[in-house]
Amino acid sequence: MLKIKRTNIYLTRGDSAYITLGISGVEPSAADVVRCQVRKEPTGGELIIDAVAEQGAEDPTQYLWYIRPADTAELTPGEYFWDAQIEITETGDIFSFVPVSSFVVLDEVTEVDNG
């Protein structure tokens, strides 16, 4: 289950998620990088997920962040923290466009045996 409330994300442990992130105020190019990170604590906490979102082909201001089942499968249910930023390759500028927000991993009942 995926639920997004404002910029807070609620995701069942081990589930897939596709999250569309929109950027305004910046004209992104194909060389720019949108990075999404999840940490145990907002400042200096252990890095849990470090992902690069893919730029949309039809709309360059839209990026898709794919969270894989393995990204959360081993996490203890609870609250973590995430944000997103765009790194402008041409100028070296970095702009955070999602503020520090909750990333809540929910417990699961059904487990899949991939072995």
PDB file of N, CA and C in Angstrom:
ATOM      1  N   MET A   1       0.827  -1.171   0.000  1.00  0.00           N
ATOM      2  CA  MET A   1       0.000   0.000   0.000  1.00  0.00           C
ATOM      3  C   MET A   1       0.880   1.245   0.000  1.00  0.00           C
ATOM      4  N   LEU A   2       0.546   2.149  -0.851  1.00  0.00           N
ATOM      5  CA  LEU A   2       1.223   3.436  -0.910  1.00  0.00           C
ATOM      6  C   LEU A   2       0.201   4.520  -0.649  1.00  0.00           C
ATOM      7  N   LYS A   3       0.540   5.419   0.263  1.00  0.00           N
ATOM      8  CA  LYS A   3      -0.308   6.577   0.539  1.00  0.00           C
ATOM      9  C   LYS A   3       0.609   7.779   0.659  1.00  0.00           C
ATOM     10  N   ILE A   4       0.228   8.869   0.017  1.00  0.00           N
ATOM     11  CA  ILE A   4       0.997  10.106   0.115  1.00  0.00           C
ATOM     12  C   ILE A   4       0.070  11.189   0.632  1.00  0.00           C
ATOM     13  N   LYS A   5       0.477  11.828   1.715  1.00  0.00           N
ATOM     14  CA  LYS A   5      -0.296  12.914   2.313  1.00  0.00           C
ATOM     15  C   LYS A   5       0.626  14.118   2.405  1.00  0.00           C
ATOM     16  N   ARG A   6       0.330  15.122   1.574  1.00  0.00           N
ATOM     17  CA  ARG A   6       1.225  16.266   1.363  1.00  0.00           C
ATOM     18  C   ARG A   6       2.551  15.731   0.830  1.00  0.00           C
ATOM     19  N   THR A   7       3.627  15.829   1.601  1.00  0.00           N
ATOM     20  CA  THR A   7       4.906  15.254   1.153  1.00  0.00           C
ATOM     21  C   THR A   7       5.313  14.056   1.996  1.00  0.00           C
ATOM     22  N   ASN A   8       4.424  13.594   2.875  1.00  0.00           N
ATOM     23  CA  ASN A   8       4.699  12.423   3.706  1.00  0.00           C
ATOM     24  C   ASN A   8       4.299  11.159   2.953  1.00  0.00           C
ATOM     25  N   ILE A   9       5.159  10.156   3.010  1.00  0.00           N
ATOM     26  CA  ILE A   9       4.945   8.897   2.293  1.00  0.00           C
ATOM     27  C   ILE A   9       4.711   7.785   3.311  1.00  0.00           C
ATOM     28  N   TYR A  10       3.696   6.958   3.032  1.00  0.00           N
ATOM     29  CA  TYR A  10       3.382   5.777   3.835  1.00  0.00           C
ATOM     30  C   TYR A  10       3.434   4.587   2.892  1.00  0.00           C
ATOM     31  N   LEU A  11       4.296   3.623   3.175  1.00  0.00           N
ATOM     32  CA  LEU A  11       4.501   2.497   2.273  1.00  0.00           C
ATOM     33  C   LEU A  11       4.627   1.206   3.067  1.00  0.00           C
ATOM     34  N   THR A  12       3.901   0.175   2.649  1.00  0.00           N
ATOM     35  CA  THR A  12       4.017  -1.132   3.281  1.00  0.00           C
ATOM     36  C   THR A  12       5.391  -1.708   2.971  1.00  0.00           C
ATOM     37  N   ARG A  13       6.021  -2.228   3.996  1.00  0.00           N
ATOM     38  CA  ARG A  13       7.364  -2.808   3.866  1.00  0.00           C
ATOM     39  C   ARG A  13       7.371  -3.854   2.754  1.00  0.00           C
ATOM     40  N   GLY A  14       8.344  -3.745   1.845  1.00  0.00           N
ATOM     41  CA  GLY A  14       8.515  -4.710   0.769  1.00  0.00           C
ATOM     42  C   GLY A  14       7.656  -4.461  -0.461  1.00  0.00           C
ATOM     43  N   ASP A  15       6.866  -3.397  -0.467  1.00  0.00           N
ATOM     44  CA  ASP A  15       6.038  -3.092  -1.638  1.00  0.00           C
ATOM     45  C   ASP A  15       6.815  -2.244  -2.646  1.00  0.00           C
ATOM     46  N   SER A  16       6.374  -2.321  -3.892  1.00  0.00           N
ATOM     47  CA  SER A  16       6.876  -1.428  -4.936  1.00  0.00           C
ATOM     48  C   SER A  16       6.121  -0.105  -4.855  1.00  0.00           C
ATOM     49  N   ALA A  17       6.752   0.966  -5.299  1.00  0.00           N
ATOM     50  CA  ALA A  17       6.075   2.256  -5.372  1.00  0.00           C
ATOM     51  C   ALA A  17       6.663   3.058  -6.523  1.00  0.00           C
ATOM     52  N   TYR A  18       5.786   3.724  -7.244  1.00  0.00           N
ATOM     53  CA  TYR A  18       6.178   4.654  -8.308  1.00  0.00           C
ATOM     54  C   TYR A  18       5.636   6.013  -7.909  1.00  0.00           C
ATOM     55  N   ILE A  19       6.526   6.955  -7.638  1.00  0.00           N
ATOM     56  CA  ILE A  19       6.119   8.267  -7.151  1.00  0.00           C
ATOM     57  C   ILE A  19       6.568   9.319  -8.157  1.00  0.00           C
ATOM     58  N   THR A  20       5.611  10.115  -8.629  1.00  0.00           N
ATOM     59  CA  THR A  20       5.912  11.194  -9.570  1.00  0.00           C
ATOM     60  C   THR A  20       6.211  12.460  -8.784  1.00  0.00           C
ATOM     61  N   LEU A  21       7.345  13.060  -9.094  1.00  0.00           N
ATOM     62  CA  LEU A  21       7.776  14.297  -8.456  1.00  0.00           C
ATOM     63  C   LEU A  21       7.780  15.407  -9.493  1.00  0.00           C
ATOM     64  N   GLY A  22       7.113  16.503  -9.201  1.00  0.00           N
ATOM     65  CA  GLY A  22       7.083  17.640 -10.119  1.00  0.00           C
ATOM     66  C   GLY A  22       7.966  18.768  -9.615  1.00  0.00           C
ATOM     67  N   ILE A  23       8.665  19.400 -10.536  1.00  0.00           N
ATOM     68  CA  ILE A  23       9.566  20.507 -10.205  1.00  0.00           C
ATOM     69  C   ILE A  23       9.036  21.778 -10.842  1.00  0.00           C
ATOM     70  N   SER A  24       9.040  22.867 -10.075  1.00  0.00           N
ATOM     71  CA  SER A  24       8.667  24.163 -10.643  1.00  0.00           C
ATOM     72  C   SER A  24       9.724  25.184 -10.254  1.00  0.00           C
ATOM     73  N   GLY A  25       9.839  26.218 -11.036  1.00  0.00           N
ATOM     74  CA  GLY A  25      10.807  27.268 -10.760  1.00  0.00           C
ATOM     75  C   GLY A  25      12.194  27.006 -11.309  1.00  0.00           C
ATOM     76  N   VAL A  26      12.417  25.834 -11.882  1.00  0.00           N
ATOM     77  CA  VAL A  26      13.707  25.464 -12.467  1.00  0.00           C
ATOM     78  C   VAL A  26      13.414  24.789 -13.798  1.00  0.00           C
ATOM     79  N   GLU A  27      14.198  25.110 -14.807  1.00  0.00           N
ATOM     80  CA  GLU A  27      14.057  24.479 -16.121  1.00  0.00           C
ATOM     81  C   GLU A  27      15.069  23.348 -16.219  1.00  0.00           C
ATOM     82  N   PRO A  28      14.681  22.105 -15.871  1.00  0.00           N
ATOM     83  CA  PRO A  28      15.656  21.018 -15.855  1.00  0.00           C
ATOM     84  C   PRO A  28      16.079  20.584 -17.259  1.00  0.00           C
ATOM     85  N   SER A  29      17.311  20.119 -17.344  1.00  0.00           N
ATOM     86  CA  SER A  29      17.810  19.551 -18.594  1.00  0.00           C
ATOM     87  C   SER A  29      17.998  18.050 -18.397  1.00  0.00           C
ATOM     88  N   ALA A  30      18.248  17.337 -19.467  1.00  0.00           N
ATOM     89  CA  ALA A  30      18.439  15.891 -19.397  1.00  0.00           C
ATOM     90  C   ALA A  30      19.676  15.520 -18.582  1.00  0.00           C
ATOM     91  N   ALA A  31      20.628  16.441 -18.451  1.00  0.00           N
ATOM     92  CA  ALA A  31      21.857  16.159 -17.707  1.00  0.00           C
ATOM     93  C   ALA A  31      21.688  16.343 -16.200  1.00  0.00           C
ATOM     94  N   ASP A  32      20.622  17.009 -15.774  1.00  0.00           N
ATOM     95  CA  ASP A  32      20.410  17.259 -14.349  1.00  0.00           C
ATOM     96  C   ASP A  32      19.998  15.971 -13.635  1.00  0.00           C
ATOM     97  N   VAL A  33      20.228  15.943 -12.326  1.00  0.00           N
ATOM     98  CA  VAL A  33      19.955  14.744 -11.535  1.00  0.00           C
ATOM     99  C   VAL A  33      18.993  15.093 -10.408  1.00  0.00           C
ATOM    100  N   VAL A  34      17.927  14.304 -10.292  1.00  0.00           N
ATOM    101  CA  VAL A  34      17.025  14.424  -9.150  1.00  0.00           C
ATOM    102  C   VAL A  34      17.320  13.252  -8.227  1.00  0.00           C
ATOM    103  N   ARG A  35      17.713  13.594  -7.002  1.00  0.00           N
ATOM    104  CA  ARG A  35      18.114  12.592  -6.016  1.00  0.00           C
ATOM    105  C   ARG A  35      17.097  12.575  -4.878  1.00  0.00           C
ATOM    106  N   CYS A  36      16.673  11.362  -4.495  1.00  0.00           N
ATOM    107  CA  CYS A  36      15.774  11.152  -3.365  1.00  0.00           C
ATOM    108  C   CYS A  36      16.513  10.303  -2.340  1.00  0.00           C
ATOM    109  N   GLN A  37      16.499  10.757  -1.098  1.00  0.00           N
ATOM    110  CA  GLN A  37      17.168   9.992  -0.053  1.00  0.00           C
ATOM    111  C   GLN A  37      16.237   9.779   1.129  1.00  0.00           C
ATOM    112  N   VAL A  38      16.370   8.609   1.731  1.00  0.00           N
ATOM    113  CA  VAL A  38      15.646   8.268   2.950  1.00  0.00           C
ATOM    114  C   VAL A  38      16.694   7.963   4.012  1.00  0.00           C
ATOM    115  N   ARG A  39      16.517   8.545   5.194  1.00  0.00           N
ATOM    116  CA  ARG A  39      17.458   8.348   6.303  1.00  0.00           C
ATOM    117  C   ARG A  39      16.698   8.029   7.586  1.00  0.00           C
ATOM    118  N   LYS A  40      17.428   7.432   8.535  1.00  0.00           N
ATOM    119  CA  LYS A  40      16.833   7.147   9.846  1.00  0.00           C
ATOM    120  C   LYS A  40      16.534   8.426  10.610  1.00  0.00           C
ATOM    121  N   GLU A  41      17.391   9.394  10.502  1.00  0.00           N
ATOM    122  CA  GLU A  41      17.216  10.698  11.141  1.00  0.00           C
ATOM    123  C   GLU A  41      17.413  11.761  10.071  1.00  0.00           C
ATOM    124  N   PRO A  42      16.732  12.896  10.185  1.00  0.00           N
ATOM    125  CA  PRO A  42      16.828  13.888   9.110  1.00  0.00           C
ATOM    126  C   PRO A  42      18.222  14.490   8.912  1.00  0.00           C
ATOM    127  N   THR A  43      18.990  14.607   9.968  1.00  0.00           N
ATOM    128  CA  THR A  43      20.320  15.191   9.836  1.00  0.00           C
ATOM    129  C   THR A  43      21.368  14.162  10.246  1.00  0.00           C
ATOM    130  N   GLY A  44      22.113  13.692   9.265  1.00  0.00           N
ATOM    131  CA  GLY A  44      23.220  12.794   9.557  1.00  0.00           C
ATOM    132  C   GLY A  44      22.829  11.381   9.922  1.00  0.00           C
ATOM    133  N   GLY A  45      21.574  11.030   9.766  1.00  0.00           N
ATOM    134  CA  GLY A  45      21.147   9.677  10.074  1.00  0.00           C
ATOM    135  C   GLY A  45      21.635   8.691   9.025  1.00  0.00           C
ATOM    136  N   GLU A  46      21.560   7.414   9.358  1.00  0.00           N
ATOM    137  CA  GLU A  46      21.990   6.362   8.438  1.00  0.00           C
ATOM    138  C   GLU A  46      21.207   6.449   7.132  1.00  0.00           C
ATOM    139  N   LEU A  47      21.929   6.360   6.011  1.00  0.00           N
ATOM    140  CA  LEU A  47      21.305   6.416   4.693  1.00  0.00           C
ATOM    141  C   LEU A  47      20.638   5.074   4.414  1.00  0.00           C
ATOM    142  N   ILE A  48      19.326   5.106   4.136  1.00  0.00           N
ATOM    143  CA  ILE A  48      18.547   3.897   3.889  1.00  0.00           C
ATOM    144  C   ILE A  48      18.340   3.692   2.390  1.00  0.00           C
ATOM    145  N   ILE A  49      17.920   4.755   1.704  1.00  0.00           N
ATOM    146  CA  ILE A  49      17.695   4.708   0.252  1.00  0.00           C
ATOM    147  C   ILE A  49      18.367   5.925  -0.362  1.00  0.00           C
ATOM    148  N   ASP A  50      19.107   5.703  -1.431  1.00  0.00           N
ATOM    149  CA  ASP A  50      19.717   6.779  -2.210  1.00  0.00           C
ATOM    150  C   ASP A  50      19.370   6.480  -3.662  1.00  0.00           C
ATOM    151  N   ALA A  51      18.404   7.203  -4.202  1.00  0.00           N
ATOM    152  CA  ALA A  51      17.892   6.891  -5.537  1.00  0.00           C
ATOM    153  C   ALA A  51      17.936   8.116  -6.439  1.00  0.00           C
ATOM    154  N   VAL A  52      18.091   7.857  -7.720  1.00  0.00           N
ATOM    155  CA  VAL A  52      18.010   8.903  -8.739  1.00  0.00           C
ATOM    156  C   VAL A  52      16.703   8.682  -9.485  1.00  0.00           C
ATOM    157  N   ALA A  53      15.869   9.715  -9.516  1.00  0.00           N
ATOM    158  CA  ALA A  53      14.581   9.641 -10.209  1.00  0.00           C
ATOM    159  C   ALA A  53      14.796   9.883 -11.706  1.00  0.00           C
ATOM    160  N   GLU A  54      13.989   9.219 -12.515  1.00  0.00           N
ATOM    161  CA  GLU A  54      14.093   9.321 -13.976  1.00  0.00           C
ATOM    162  C   GLU A  54      13.246  10.482 -14.494  1.00  0.00           C
ATOM    163  N   GLN A  55      13.833  11.277 -15.374  1.00  0.00           N
ATOM    164  CA  GLN A  55      13.117  12.404 -15.965  1.00  0.00           C
ATOM    165  C   GLN A  55      12.072  11.904 -16.957  1.00  0.00           C
ATOM    166  N   GLY A  56      10.899  12.530 -16.925  1.00  0.00           N
ATOM    167  CA  GLY A  56       9.829  12.158 -17.842  1.00  0.00           C
ATOM    168  C   GLY A  56      10.150  12.528 -19.277  1.00  0.00           C
ATOM    169  N   ALA A  57       9.786  11.666 -20.213  1.00  0.00           N
ATOM    170  CA  ALA A  57      10.051  11.915 -21.634  1.00  0.00           C
ATOM    171  C   ALA A  57       9.120  12.985 -22.188  1.00  0.00           C
ATOM    172  N   GLU A  58       7.878  12.994 -21.727  1.00  0.00           N
ATOM    173  CA  GLU A  58       6.898  13.943 -22.256  1.00  0.00           C
ATOM    174  C   GLU A  58       6.923  15.280 -21.542  1.00  0.00           C
ATOM    175  N   ASP A  59       7.257  15.280 -20.265  1.00  0.00           N
ATOM    176  CA  ASP A  59       7.301  16.516 -19.482  1.00  0.00           C
ATOM    177  C   ASP A  59       8.596  16.537 -18.677  1.00  0.00           C
ATOM    178  N   PRO A  60       9.561  17.378 -19.056  1.00  0.00           N
ATOM    179  CA  PRO A  60      10.865  17.384 -18.378  1.00  0.00           C
ATOM    180  C   PRO A  60      10.824  17.895 -16.940  1.00  0.00           C
ATOM    181  N   THR A  61       9.675  18.423 -16.493  1.00  0.00           N
ATOM    182  CA  THR A  61       9.568  18.869 -15.101  1.00  0.00           C
ATOM    183  C   THR A  61       9.007  17.778 -14.190  1.00  0.00           C
ATOM    184  N   GLN A  62       8.732  16.607 -14.758  1.00  0.00           N
ATOM    185  CA  GLN A  62       8.205  15.471 -13.999  1.00  0.00           C
ATOM    186  C   GLN A  62       9.274  14.376 -13.913  1.00  0.00           C
ATOM    187  N   TYR A  63       9.458  13.850 -12.721  1.00  0.00           N
ATOM    188  CA  TYR A  63      10.437  12.782 -12.487  1.00  0.00           C
ATOM    189  C   TYR A  63       9.740  11.610 -11.803  1.00  0.00           C
ATOM    190  N   LEU A  64      10.181  10.403 -12.107  1.00  0.00           N
ATOM    191  CA  LEU A  64       9.601   9.206 -11.513  1.00  0.00           C
ATOM    192  C   LEU A  64      10.617   8.546 -10.590  1.00  0.00           C
ATOM    193  N   TRP A  65      10.222   8.414  -9.327  1.00  0.00           N
ATOM    194  CA  TRP A  65      11.040   7.736  -8.322  1.00  0.00           C
ATOM    195  C   TRP A  65      10.456   6.344  -8.130  1.00  0.00           C
ATOM    196  N   TYR A  66      11.230   5.340  -8.467  1.00  0.00           N
ATOM    197  CA  TYR A  66      10.812   3.948  -8.312  1.00  0.00           C
ATOM    198  C   TYR A  66      11.435   3.391  -7.050  1.00  0.00           C
ATOM    199  N   ILE A  67      10.586   3.000  -6.104  1.00  0.00           N
ATOM    200  CA  ILE A  67      11.047   2.349  -4.882  1.00  0.00           C
ATOM    201  C   ILE A  67      10.853   0.852  -5.082  1.00  0.00           C
ATOM    202  N   ARG A  68      11.931   0.109  -5.048  1.00  0.00           N
ATOM    203  CA  ARG A  68      11.900  -1.335  -5.274  1.00  0.00           C
ATOM    204  C   ARG A  68      11.539  -2.065  -3.974  1.00  0.00           C
ATOM    205  N   PRO A  69      10.940  -3.245  -4.088  1.00  0.00           N
ATOM    206  CA  PRO A  69      10.615  -4.008  -2.885  1.00  0.00           C
ATOM    207  C   PRO A  69      11.828  -4.216  -1.963  1.00  0.00           C
ATOM    208  N   ALA A  70      12.990  -4.464  -2.548  1.00  0.00           N
ATOM    209  CA  ALA A  70      14.201  -4.698  -1.748  1.00  0.00           C
ATOM    210  C   ALA A  70      14.629  -3.464  -0.956  1.00  0.00           C
ATOM    211  N   ASP A  71      14.209  -2.269  -1.390  1.00  0.00           N
ATOM    212  CA  ASP A  71      14.591  -1.041  -0.692  1.00  0.00           C
ATOM    213  C   ASP A  71      14.041  -0.985   0.730  1.00  0.00           C
ATOM    214  N   THR A  72      12.868  -1.602   0.953  1.00  0.00           N
ATOM    215  CA  THR A  72      12.242  -1.525   2.275  1.00  0.00           C
ATOM    216  C   THR A  72      12.008  -2.882   2.924  1.00  0.00           C
ATOM    217  N   ALA A  73      12.297  -3.978   2.218  1.00  0.00           N
ATOM    218  CA  ALA A  73      11.959  -5.320   2.702  1.00  0.00           C
ATOM    219  C   ALA A  73      12.559  -5.648   4.065  1.00  0.00           C
ATOM    220  N   GLU A  74      13.718  -5.141   4.358  1.00  0.00           N
ATOM    221  CA  GLU A  74      14.399  -5.485   5.615  1.00  0.00           C
ATOM    222  C   GLU A  74      14.278  -4.392   6.675  1.00  0.00           C
ATOM    223  N   LEU A  75      13.544  -3.329   6.382  1.00  0.00           N
ATOM    224  CA  LEU A  75      13.429  -2.222   7.333  1.00  0.00           C
ATOM    225  C   LEU A  75      12.471  -2.564   8.464  1.00  0.00           C
ATOM    226  N   THR A  76      12.767  -2.055   9.634  1.00  0.00           N
ATOM    227  CA  THR A  76      11.852  -2.149  10.762  1.00  0.00           C
ATOM    228  C   THR A  76      10.735  -1.141  10.532  1.00  0.00           C
ATOM    229  N   PRO A  77       9.481  -1.564  10.649  1.00  0.00           N
ATOM    230  CA  PRO A  77       8.392  -0.603  10.483  1.00  0.00           C
ATOM    231  C   PRO A  77       8.575   0.584  11.424  1.00  0.00           C
ATOM    232  N   GLY A  78       8.274   1.769  10.919  1.00  0.00           N
ATOM    233  CA  GLY A  78       8.418   2.972  11.720  1.00  0.00           C
ATOM    234  C   GLY A  78       8.652   4.176  10.842  1.00  0.00           C
ATOM    235  N   GLU A  79       8.982   5.286  11.474  1.00  0.00           N
ATOM    236  CA  GLU A  79       9.162   6.550  10.758  1.00  0.00           C
ATOM    237  C   GLU A  79      10.628   6.776  10.404  1.00  0.00           C
ATOM    238  N   TYR A  80      10.826   7.100   9.135  1.00  0.00           N
ATOM    239  CA  TYR A  80      12.120   7.519   8.607  1.00  0.00           C
ATOM    240  C   TYR A  80      11.891   8.906   8.007  1.00  0.00           C
ATOM    241  N   PHE A  81      12.895   9.465   7.349  1.00  0.00           N
ATOM    242  CA  PHE A  81      12.773  10.813   6.799  1.00  0.00           C
ATOM    243  C   PHE A  81      13.337  10.858   5.392  1.00  0.00           C
ATOM    244  N   TRP A  82      12.712  11.669   4.526  1.00  0.00           N
ATOM    245  CA  TRP A  82      13.169  11.764   3.139  1.00  0.00           C
ATOM    246  C   TRP A  82      13.081  13.209   2.669  1.00  0.00           C
ATOM    247  N   ASP A  83      13.817  13.476   1.597  1.00  0.00           N
ATOM    248  CA  ASP A  83      13.677  14.729   0.857  1.00  0.00           C
ATOM    249  C   ASP A  83      14.142  14.483  -0.568  1.00  0.00           C
ATOM    250  N   ALA A  84      13.999  15.497  -1.403  1.00  0.00           N
ATOM    251  CA  ALA A  84      14.434  15.391  -2.802  1.00  0.00           C
ATOM    252  C   ALA A  84      15.063  16.699  -3.228  1.00  0.00           C
ATOM    253  N   GLN A  85      16.072  16.584  -4.084  1.00  0.00           N
ATOM    254  CA  GLN A  85      16.748  17.773  -4.610  1.00  0.00           C
ATOM    255  C   GLN A  85      17.131  17.541  -6.059  1.00  0.00           C
ATOM    256  N   ILE A  86      17.276  18.654  -6.760  1.00  0.00           N
ATOM    257  CA  ILE A  86      17.758  18.582  -8.137  1.00  0.00           C
ATOM    258  C   ILE A  86      19.149  19.194  -8.169  1.00  0.00           C
ATOM    259  N   GLU A  87      20.044  18.482  -8.841  1.00  0.00           N
ATOM    260  CA  GLU A  87      21.425  18.935  -9.007  1.00  0.00           C
ATOM    261  C   GLU A  87      21.567  19.397 -10.450  1.00  0.00           C
ATOM    262  N   ILE A  88      21.764  20.707 -10.628  1.00  0.00           N
ATOM    263  CA  ILE A  88      21.879  21.293 -11.962  1.00  0.00           C
ATOM    264  C   ILE A  88      23.317  21.106 -12.444  1.00  0.00           C
ATOM    265  N   THR A  89      23.514  20.232 -13.397  1.00  0.00           N
ATOM    266  CA  THR A  89      24.840  19.849 -13.863  1.00  0.00           C
ATOM    267  C   THR A  89      25.615  21.038 -14.440  1.00  0.00           C
ATOM    268  N   GLU A  90      24.953  21.865 -15.229  1.00  0.00           N
ATOM    269  CA  GLU A  90      25.639  22.964 -15.924  1.00  0.00           C
ATOM    270  C   GLU A  90      26.234  23.996 -14.964  1.00  0.00           C
ATOM    271  N   THR A  91      25.521  24.323 -13.885  1.00  0.00           N
ATOM    272  CA  THR A  91      25.976  25.378 -12.974  1.00  0.00           C
ATOM    273  C   THR A  91      26.498  24.855 -11.643  1.00  0.00           C
ATOM    274  N   GLY A  92      26.201  23.607 -11.311  1.00  0.00           N
ATOM    275  CA  GLY A  92      26.593  23.064 -10.019  1.00  0.00           C
ATOM    276  C   GLY A  92      25.637  23.434  -8.897  1.00  0.00           C
ATOM    277  N   ASP A  93      24.541  24.114  -9.235  1.00  0.00           N
ATOM    278  CA  ASP A  93      23.546  24.483  -8.228  1.00  0.00           C
ATOM    279  C   ASP A  93      22.781  23.262  -7.751  1.00  0.00           C
ATOM    280  N   ILE A  94      22.342  23.320  -6.509  1.00  0.00           N
ATOM    281  CA  ILE A  94      21.502  22.279  -5.927  1.00  0.00           C
ATOM    282  C   ILE A  94      20.289  22.955  -5.314  1.00  0.00           C
ATOM    283  N   PHE A  95      19.105  22.451  -5.664  1.00  0.00           N
ATOM    284  CA  PHE A  95      17.861  22.996  -5.145  1.00  0.00           C
ATOM    285  C   PHE A  95      17.041  21.878  -4.524  1.00  0.00           C
ATOM    286  N   SER A  96      16.736  21.999  -3.222  1.00  0.00           N
ATOM    287  CA  SER A  96      15.823  21.058  -2.583  1.00  0.00           C
ATOM    288  C   SER A  96      14.413  21.494  -2.945  1.00  0.00           C
ATOM    289  N   PHE A  97      13.621  20.565  -3.467  1.00  0.00           N
ATOM    290  CA  PHE A  97      12.253  20.927  -3.843  1.00  0.00           C
ATOM    291  C   PHE A  97      11.204  20.138  -3.076  1.00  0.00           C
ATOM    292  N   VAL A  98      11.637  19.148  -2.298  1.00  0.00           N
ATOM    293  CA  VAL A  98      10.766  18.486  -1.324  1.00  0.00           C
ATOM    294  C   VAL A  98      11.466  18.657   0.020  1.00  0.00           C
ATOM    295  N   PRO A  99      10.799  19.310   0.987  1.00  0.00           N
ATOM    296  CA  PRO A  99      11.439  19.491   2.292  1.00  0.00           C
ATOM    297  C   PRO A  99      11.505  18.167   3.050  1.00  0.00           C
ATOM    298  N   VAL A 100      12.270  18.155   4.122  1.00  0.00           N
ATOM    299  CA  VAL A 100      12.342  16.963   4.956  1.00  0.00           C
ATOM    300  C   VAL A 100      10.921  16.574   5.354  1.00  0.00           C
ATOM    301  N   SER A 101      10.578  15.319   5.071  1.00  0.00           N
ATOM    302  CA  SER A 101       9.227  14.815   5.298  1.00  0.00           C
ATOM    303  C   SER A 101       9.308  13.403   5.855  1.00  0.00           C
ATOM    304  N   SER A 102       8.196  12.938   6.380  1.00  0.00           N
ATOM    305  CA  SER A 102       8.144  11.577   6.927  1.00  0.00           C
ATOM    306  C   SER A 102       8.080  10.547   5.810  1.00  0.00           C
ATOM    307  N   PHE A 103       8.769   9.441   6.018  1.00  0.00           N
ATOM    308  CA  PHE A 103       8.699   8.262   5.169  1.00  0.00           C
ATOM    309  C   PHE A 103       8.393   7.125   6.138  1.00  0.00           C
ATOM    310  N   VAL A 104       7.134   6.723   6.191  1.00  0.00           N
ATOM    311  CA  VAL A 104       6.695   5.754   7.178  1.00  0.00           C
ATOM    312  C   VAL A 104       6.598   4.376   6.534  1.00  0.00           C
ATOM    313  N   VAL A 105       7.339   3.431   7.095  1.00  0.00           N
ATOM    314  CA  VAL A 105       7.284   2.048   6.631  1.00  0.00           C
ATOM    315  C   VAL A 105       6.267   1.326   7.497  1.00  0.00           C
ATOM    316  N   LEU A 106       5.233   0.800   6.831  1.00  0.00           N
ATOM    317  CA  LEU A 106       4.158   0.097   7.514  1.00  0.00           C
ATOM    318  C   LEU A 106       4.452  -1.395   7.552  1.00  0.00           C
ATOM    319  N   ASP A 107       3.955  -2.071   8.569  1.00  0.00           N
ATOM    320  CA  ASP A 107       4.160  -3.512   8.683  1.00  0.00           C
ATOM    321  C   ASP A 107       3.340  -4.232   7.625  1.00  0.00           C
ATOM    322  N   GLU A 108       3.694  -5.479   7.366  1.00  0.00           N
ATOM    323  CA  GLU A 108       3.012  -6.296   6.364  1.00  0.00           C
ATOM    324  C   GLU A 108       2.511  -7.573   7.006  1.00  0.00           C
ATOM    325  N   VAL A 109       1.523  -8.182   6.384  1.00  0.00           N
ATOM    326  CA  VAL A 109       1.022  -9.475   6.827  1.00  0.00           C
ATOM    327  C   VAL A 109       1.436 -10.548   5.833  1.00  0.00           C
ATOM    328  N   THR A 110       1.175 -10.275   4.548  1.00  0.00           N
ATOM    329  CA  THR A 110       1.489 -11.229   3.492  1.00  0.00           C
ATOM    330  C   THR A 110       2.959 -11.120   3.111  1.00  0.00           C
ATOM    331  N   GLU A 111       3.644 -12.232   3.116  1.00  0.00           N
ATOM    332  CA  GLU A 111       5.052 -12.250   2.724  1.00  0.00           C
ATOM    333  C   GLU A 111       5.214 -13.146   1.504  1.00  0.00           C
ATOM    334  N   VAL A 112       6.069 -12.745   0.600  1.00  0.00           N
ATOM    335  CA  VAL A 112       6.340 -13.504  -0.618  1.00  0.00           C
ATOM    336  C   VAL A 112       7.655 -14.249  -0.453  1.00  0.00           C
ATOM    337  N   ASP A 113       7.635 -15.534  -0.767  1.00  0.00           N
ATOM    338  CA  ASP A 113       8.854 -16.344  -0.705  1.00  0.00           C
ATOM    339  C   ASP A 113       9.476 -16.341  -2.094  1.00  0.00           C
ATOM    340  N   ASN A 114      10.588 -15.612  -2.248  1.00  0.00           N
ATOM    341  CA  ASN A 114      11.261 -15.525  -3.547  1.00  0.00           C
ATOM    342  C   ASN A 114      12.349 -16.587  -3.684  1.00  0.00           C
ATOM    343  N   GLY A 115      12.386 -17.531  -2.787  1.00  0.00           N
ATOM    344  CA  GLY A 115      13.459 -18.512  -2.793  1.00  0.00           C
ATOM    345  C   GLY A 115      13.137 -19.770  -3.421  1.00  0.00           C
TER     346      GLY A 115
END
